PDB file of N, CA and C in Angstrom:
ATOM      1  N   MET A   1     -32.210 -34.457  -9.989  1.00  0.00           N
ATOM      2  CA  MET A   1     -31.790 -33.418 -10.878  1.00  0.00           C
ATOM      3  C   MET A   1     -31.766 -32.225 -10.068  1.00  0.00           C
ATOM      4  N   VAL A   2     -32.740 -31.556  -9.082  1.00  0.00           N
ATOM      5  CA  VAL A   2     -32.246 -30.389  -8.617  1.00  0.00           C
ATOM      6  C   VAL A   2     -31.117 -30.648  -7.416  1.00  0.00           C
ATOM      7  N   VAL A   3     -30.811 -31.985  -7.153  1.00  0.00           N
ATOM      8  CA  VAL A   3     -30.090 -32.093  -6.061  1.00  0.00           C
ATOM      9  C   VAL A   3     -28.212 -31.674  -6.879  1.00  0.00           C
ATOM     10  N   VAL A   4     -28.724 -32.876  -8.201  1.00  0.00           N
ATOM     11  CA  VAL A   4     -26.977 -32.357  -8.785  1.00  0.00           C
ATOM     12  C   VAL A   4     -26.976 -31.217  -8.847  1.00  0.00           C
ATOM     13  N   ILE A   5     -27.610 -30.318  -9.227  1.00  0.00           N
ATOM     14  CA  ILE A   5     -27.654 -28.747  -9.542  1.00  0.00           C
ATOM     15  C   ILE A   5     -27.090 -27.961  -8.296  1.00  0.00           C
ATOM     16  N   ILE A   6     -27.316 -28.150  -7.183  1.00  0.00           N
ATOM     17  CA  ILE A   6     -27.187 -27.831  -6.201  1.00  0.00           C
ATOM     18  C   ILE A   6     -25.879 -27.996  -5.751  1.00  0.00           C
ATOM     19  N   ILE A   7     -25.510 -29.407  -6.412  1.00  0.00           N
ATOM     20  CA  ILE A   7     -24.139 -30.305  -5.952  1.00  0.00           C
ATOM     21  C   ILE A   7     -23.321 -29.247  -6.655  1.00  0.00           C
ATOM     22  N   GLY A   8     -23.135 -29.243  -7.879  1.00  0.00           N
ATOM     23  CA  GLY A   8     -22.570 -28.235  -8.774  1.00  0.00           C
ATOM     24  C   GLY A   8     -22.306 -26.880  -8.067  1.00  0.00           C
ATOM     25  N   ILE A   9     -23.566 -26.531  -7.553  1.00  0.00           N
ATOM     26  CA  ILE A   9     -23.289 -25.125  -7.520  1.00  0.00           C
ATOM     27  C   ILE A   9     -22.063 -24.531  -6.112  1.00  0.00           C
ATOM     28  N   VAL A  10     -22.357 -25.867  -4.970  1.00  0.00           N
ATOM     29  CA  VAL A  10     -22.241 -25.792  -4.321  1.00  0.00           C
ATOM     30  C   VAL A  10     -20.308 -26.242  -4.281  1.00  0.00           C
ATOM     31  N   ILE A  11     -19.836 -26.943  -5.161  1.00  0.00           N
ATOM     32  CA  ILE A  11     -18.571 -27.183  -5.568  1.00  0.00           C
ATOM     33  C   ILE A  11     -17.862 -25.907  -5.877  1.00  0.00           C
ATOM     34  N   ILE A  12     -18.377 -25.312  -7.164  1.00  0.00           N
ATOM     35  CA  ILE A  12     -18.452 -24.301  -7.893  1.00  0.00           C
ATOM     36  C   ILE A  12     -17.647 -23.119  -6.787  1.00  0.00           C
ATOM     37  N   TYR A  13     -18.846 -23.030  -6.187  1.00  0.00           N
ATOM     38  CA  TYR A  13     -18.460 -21.816  -4.710  1.00  0.00           C
ATOM     39  C   TYR A  13     -17.655 -22.274  -3.993  1.00  0.00           C
ATOM     40  N   ALA A  14     -17.327 -23.415  -3.485  1.00  0.00           N
ATOM     41  CA  ALA A  14     -15.908 -23.826  -2.704  1.00  0.00           C
ATOM     42  C   ALA A  14     -14.353 -23.481  -3.870  1.00  0.00           C
ATOM     43  N   ILE A  15     -14.844 -23.978  -4.925  1.00  0.00           N
ATOM     44  CA  ILE A  15     -13.682 -23.318  -5.752  1.00  0.00           C
ATOM     45  C   ILE A  15     -13.282 -22.208  -6.037  1.00  0.00           C
ATOM     46  N   PHE A  16     -14.657 -21.150  -6.332  1.00  0.00           N
ATOM     47  CA  PHE A  16     -14.187 -19.777  -5.972  1.00  0.00           C
ATOM     48  C   PHE A  16     -14.128 -19.114  -5.266  1.00  0.00           C
ATOM     49  N   SER A  17     -14.056 -19.542  -3.683  1.00  0.00           N
ATOM     50  CA  SER A  17     -14.078 -19.344  -2.107  1.00  0.00           C
ATOM     51  C   SER A  17     -12.460 -19.869  -2.073  1.00  0.00           C
ATOM     52  N   SER A  18     -11.853 -20.785  -2.430  1.00  0.00           N
ATOM     53  CA  SER A  18     -10.386 -20.868  -2.117  1.00  0.00           C
ATOM     54  C   SER A  18      -9.773 -20.446  -2.790  1.00  0.00           C
ATOM     55  N   PHE A  19      -9.817 -19.904  -3.992  1.00  0.00           N
ATOM     56  CA  PHE A  19      -8.944 -19.019  -5.034  1.00  0.00           C
ATOM     57  C   PHE A  19      -9.049 -17.109  -3.929  1.00  0.00           C
ATOM     58  N   SER A  20      -9.944 -16.724  -3.557  1.00  0.00           N
ATOM     59  CA  SER A  20     -10.429 -15.219  -2.544  1.00  0.00           C
ATOM     60  C   SER A  20      -9.499 -15.685  -1.511  1.00  0.00           C
ATOM     61  N   ASP A  21      -9.872 -16.417  -0.720  1.00  0.00           N
ATOM     62  CA  ASP A  21      -9.152 -17.093   0.585  1.00  0.00           C
ATOM     63  C   ASP A  21      -7.616 -16.939   0.357  1.00  0.00           C
ATOM     64  N   SER A  22      -7.054 -17.251  -0.804  1.00  0.00           N
ATOM     65  CA  SER A  22      -5.623 -17.432  -0.838  1.00  0.00           C
ATOM     66  C   SER A  22      -4.823 -15.845  -1.478  1.00  0.00           C
ATOM     67  N   LYS A  23      -5.982 -14.962  -1.984  1.00  0.00           N
ATOM     68  CA  LYS A  23      -5.284 -13.755  -2.138  1.00  0.00           C
ATOM     69  C   LYS A  23      -5.228 -12.904  -0.773  1.00  0.00           C
ATOM     70  N   SER A  24      -6.533 -13.403  -0.207  1.00  0.00           N
ATOM     71  CA  SER A  24      -6.972 -12.084   0.756  1.00  0.00           C
ATOM     72  C   SER A  24      -5.738 -12.577   2.077  1.00  0.00           C
ATOM     73  N   THR A  25      -4.951 -13.714   1.706  1.00  0.00           N
ATOM     74  CA  THR A  25      -3.899 -13.899   3.173  1.00  0.00           C
ATOM     75  C   THR A  25      -2.900 -13.202   2.707  1.00  0.00           C
ATOM     76  N   SER A  26      -2.330 -12.898   1.613  1.00  0.00           N
ATOM     77  CA  SER A  26      -1.008 -12.469   1.281  1.00  0.00           C
ATOM     78  C   SER A  26      -1.176 -11.286   2.014  1.00  0.00           C
ATOM     79  N   THR A  27      -0.107 -10.437   2.123  1.00  0.00           N
ATOM     80  CA  THR A  27       0.162  -9.343   2.760  1.00  0.00           C
ATOM     81  C   THR A  27       1.090  -8.438   1.859  1.00  0.00           C
ATOM     82  N   THR A  28       0.923  -7.125   2.064  1.00  0.00           N
ATOM     83  CA  THR A  28       1.798  -6.465   1.443  1.00  0.00           C
ATOM     84  C   THR A  28       2.301  -5.281   2.140  1.00  0.00           C
ATOM     85  N   SER A  29       3.914  -4.810   2.042  1.00  0.00           N
ATOM     86  CA  SER A  29       4.442  -4.188   3.581  1.00  0.00           C
ATOM     87  C   SER A  29       4.800  -2.503   2.571  1.00  0.00           C
ATOM     88  N   TYR A  30       4.320  -1.738   3.090  1.00  0.00           N
ATOM     89  CA  TYR A  30       5.319  -0.508   2.629  1.00  0.00           C
ATOM     90  C   TYR A  30       6.249   0.151   3.554  1.00  0.00           C
ATOM     91  N   SER A  31       6.634   0.671   3.160  1.00  0.00           N
ATOM     92  CA  SER A  31       7.807   1.317   3.769  1.00  0.00           C
ATOM     93  C   SER A  31       7.790   2.766   3.360  1.00  0.00           C
ATOM     94  N   MET A  32       7.952   3.924   4.792  1.00  0.00           N
ATOM     95  CA  MET A  32       7.942   5.338   4.230  1.00  0.00           C
ATOM     96  C   MET A  32       9.609   5.753   4.114  1.00  0.00           C
ATOM     97  N   HIS A  33       9.420   6.840   3.167  1.00  0.00           N
ATOM     98  CA  HIS A  33      10.775   7.159   2.791  1.00  0.00           C
ATOM     99  C   HIS A  33      10.117   8.744   2.196  1.00  0.00           C
ATOM    100  N   LYS A  34      11.056   9.773   3.279  1.00  0.00           N
ATOM    101  CA  LYS A  34      11.029  11.156   2.556  1.00  0.00           C
ATOM    102  C   LYS A  34      12.170  11.811   1.987  1.00  0.00           C
ATOM    103  N   SER A  35      12.207  12.438   1.295  1.00  0.00           N
ATOM    104  CA  SER A  35      13.708  13.337   0.874  1.00  0.00           C
ATOM    105  C   SER A  35      13.093  14.304   0.446  1.00  0.00           C
ATOM    106  N   CYS A  36      14.080  15.361   0.640  1.00  0.00           N
ATOM    107  CA  CYS A  36      13.870  16.895   0.084  1.00  0.00           C
ATOM    108  C   CYS A  36      13.809  17.285  -1.490  1.00  0.00           C
ATOM    109  N   SER A  37      13.130  17.671  -2.145  1.00  0.00           N
ATOM    110  CA  SER A  37      12.472  17.639  -3.354  1.00  0.00           C
ATOM    111  C   SER A  37      13.948  19.113  -3.572  1.00  0.00           C
ATOM    112  N   ALA A  38      14.454  19.534  -2.988  1.00  0.00           N
ATOM    113  CA  ALA A  38      15.448  20.910  -3.424  1.00  0.00           C
ATOM    114  C   ALA A  38      16.918  19.704  -3.115  1.00  0.00           C
ATOM    115  N   CYS A  39      17.375  18.947  -2.779  1.00  0.00           N
ATOM    116  CA  CYS A  39      18.757  18.289  -2.548  1.00  0.00           C
ATOM    117  C   CYS A  39      18.489  17.055  -3.192  1.00  0.00           C
ATOM    118  N   GLY A  40      17.342  16.303  -2.740  1.00  0.00           N
ATOM    119  CA  GLY A  40      16.931  15.177  -3.264  1.00  0.00           C
ATOM    120  C   GLY A  40      17.719  14.261  -1.747  1.00  0.00           C
ATOM    121  N   LYS A  41      18.439  14.443  -1.113  1.00  0.00           N
ATOM    122  CA  LYS A  41      18.696  13.700   0.155  1.00  0.00           C
ATOM    123  C   LYS A  41      17.487  13.439   0.605  1.00  0.00           C
ATOM    124  N   THR A  42      17.874  12.040   1.559  1.00  0.00           N
ATOM    125  CA  THR A  42      16.580  11.168   2.468  1.00  0.00           C
ATOM    126  C   THR A  42      16.905  12.241   3.722  1.00  0.00           C
ATOM    127  N   VAL A  43      15.626  12.536   4.233  1.00  0.00           N
ATOM    128  CA  VAL A  43      15.711  13.488   5.823  1.00  0.00           C
ATOM    129  C   VAL A  43      14.736  12.542   6.284  1.00  0.00           C
ATOM    130  N   PRO A  44      14.686  12.514   7.744  1.00  0.00           N
ATOM    131  CA  PRO A  44      13.570  11.717   8.542  1.00  0.00           C
ATOM    132  C   PRO A  44      12.457  11.866   8.376  1.00  0.00           C
ATOM    133  N   ASN A  45      11.513  10.594   8.929  1.00  0.00           N
ATOM    134  CA  ASN A  45      10.346  10.787   8.319  1.00  0.00           C
ATOM    135  C   ASN A  45       9.328  11.378   9.296  1.00  0.00           C
ATOM    136  N   SER A  46       9.986  12.360  10.322  1.00  0.00           N
ATOM    137  CA  SER A  46       9.269  13.345  11.519  1.00  0.00           C
ATOM    138  C   SER A  46       9.116  14.242  10.643  1.00  0.00           C
ATOM    139  N   SER A  47      10.144  14.797   9.489  1.00  0.00           N
ATOM    140  CA  SER A  47       9.995  15.849   8.973  1.00  0.00           C
ATOM    141  C   SER A  47       8.641  15.981   8.349  1.00  0.00           C
ATOM    142  N   THR A  48       8.618  17.523   8.539  1.00  0.00           N
ATOM    143  CA  THR A  48       6.586  17.938   8.188  1.00  0.00           C
ATOM    144  C   THR A  48       7.141  19.079   7.485  1.00  0.00           C
ATOM    145  N   ALA A  49       5.804  19.445   6.786  1.00  0.00           N
ATOM    146  CA  ALA A  49       5.922  21.310   5.778  1.00  0.00           C
ATOM    147  C   ALA A  49       6.272  21.906   7.281  1.00  0.00           C
ATOM    148  N   GLY A  50       6.593  23.122   6.312  1.00  0.00           N
ATOM    149  CA  GLY A  50       6.928  24.210   7.858  1.00  0.00           C
ATOM    150  C   GLY A  50       8.416  24.026   8.483  1.00  0.00           C
ATOM    151  N   GLN A  51       9.181  23.020   8.216  1.00  0.00           N
ATOM    152  CA  GLN A  51      10.427  22.696   8.712  1.00  0.00           C
ATOM    153  C   GLN A  51      11.180  23.116   7.398  1.00  0.00           C
ATOM    154  N   ARG A  52      13.018  23.019   7.918  1.00  0.00           N
ATOM    155  CA  ARG A  52      13.713  22.743   6.814  1.00  0.00           C
ATOM    156  C   ARG A  52      14.504  21.806   6.592  1.00  0.00           C
ATOM    157  N   CYS A  53      14.996  21.392   5.828  1.00  0.00           N
ATOM    158  CA  CYS A  53      15.596  20.436   5.254  1.00  0.00           C
ATOM    159  C   CYS A  53      17.061  20.452   6.132  1.00  0.00           C
ATOM    160  N   PRO A  54      17.537  19.659   6.729  1.00  0.00           N
ATOM    161  CA  PRO A  54      19.056  19.624   7.451  1.00  0.00           C
ATOM    162  C   PRO A  54      20.017  19.463   6.909  1.00  0.00           C
ATOM    163  N   HIS A  55      19.806  19.077   5.391  1.00  0.00           N
ATOM    164  CA  HIS A  55      21.277  19.010   4.886  1.00  0.00           C
ATOM    165  C   HIS A  55      21.415  20.682   3.913  1.00  0.00           C
ATOM    166  N   CYS A  56      20.721  20.473   3.360  1.00  0.00           N
ATOM    167  CA  CYS A  56      20.330  22.130   2.433  1.00  0.00           C
ATOM    168  C   CYS A  56      20.133  23.243   2.937  1.00  0.00           C
ATOM    169  N   GLY A  57      19.198  23.241   3.759  1.00  0.00           N
ATOM    170  CA  GLY A  57      18.632  24.419   4.525  1.00  0.00           C
ATOM    171  C   GLY A  57      16.851  24.953   3.515  1.00  0.00           C
ATOM    172  N   ALA A  58      16.209  24.159   2.583  1.00  0.00           N
ATOM    173  CA  ALA A  58      15.485  24.448   1.715  1.00  0.00           C
ATOM    174  C   ALA A  58      14.398  24.485   3.076  1.00  0.00           C
ATOM    175  N   TYR A  59      13.074  25.535   2.848  1.00  0.00           N
ATOM    176  CA  TYR A  59      12.376  25.590   3.449  1.00  0.00           C
ATOM    177  C   TYR A  59      11.119  24.642   2.667  1.00  0.00           C
ATOM    178  N   TRP A  60      10.195  23.572   3.416  1.00  0.00           N
ATOM    179  CA  TRP A  60       9.060  22.869   2.978  1.00  0.00           C
ATOM    180  C   TRP A  60       7.907  23.949   3.590  1.00  0.00           C
ATOM    181  N   SER A  61       7.341  24.385   2.294  1.00  0.00           N
ATOM    182  CA  SER A  61       6.248  24.596   2.491  1.00  0.00           C
ATOM    183  C   SER A  61       5.017  23.851   2.360  1.00  0.00           C
ATOM    184  N   VAL A  62       5.176  23.058   1.856  1.00  0.00           N
ATOM    185  CA  VAL A  62       4.332  22.058   1.395  1.00  0.00           C
ATOM    186  C   VAL A  62       4.417  20.140   1.333  1.00  0.00           C
ATOM    187  N   GLU A  63       3.946  19.666   1.841  1.00  0.00           N
ATOM    188  CA  GLU A  63       4.587  17.606   2.040  1.00  0.00           C
ATOM    189  C   GLU A  63       3.884  17.213   0.663  1.00  0.00           C
ATOM    190  N   ASN A  64       4.303  16.572  -0.372  1.00  0.00           N
ATOM    191  CA  ASN A  64       3.896  15.884  -1.425  1.00  0.00           C
ATOM    192  C   ASN A  64       4.049  14.577  -1.124  1.00  0.00           C
ATOM    193  N   LYS A  65       2.747  13.467  -0.763  1.00  0.00           N
ATOM    194  CA  LYS A  65       2.390  12.432  -1.047  1.00  0.00           C
ATOM    195  C   LYS A  65       2.843  11.520  -2.383  1.00  0.00           C
ATOM    196  N   TYR A  66       3.722  10.757  -2.481  1.00  0.00           N
ATOM    197  CA  TYR A  66       3.371   9.664  -4.011  1.00  0.00           C
ATOM    198  C   TYR A  66       3.481   8.561  -3.330  1.00  0.00           C
ATOM    199  N   SER A  67       2.983   7.265  -4.010  1.00  0.00           N
ATOM    200  CA  SER A  67       2.794   5.545  -3.783  1.00  0.00           C
ATOM    201  C   SER A  67       3.763   5.423  -4.907  1.00  0.00           C
ATOM    202  N   VAL A  68       4.404   4.768  -4.799  1.00  0.00           N
ATOM    203  CA  VAL A  68       5.585   3.719  -5.395  1.00  0.00           C
ATOM    204  C   VAL A  68       5.184   2.328  -5.666  1.00  0.00           C
TER     205      VAL A  68
END
């Protein structure tokens, strides 16, 4: 009786671990995209606060980060 319970637990563990393994192998890719909040045009990823927009000349005092 104890052996049957242990085998059942091992089978359940194997089933759940196979589900979690398939989830962990998926990859998520992210791409960075920066744009000026004044004119909306794309700016280089190296642009930071304290610089000006190359398109409209707006001064960036703060860099806002949003996840999509």
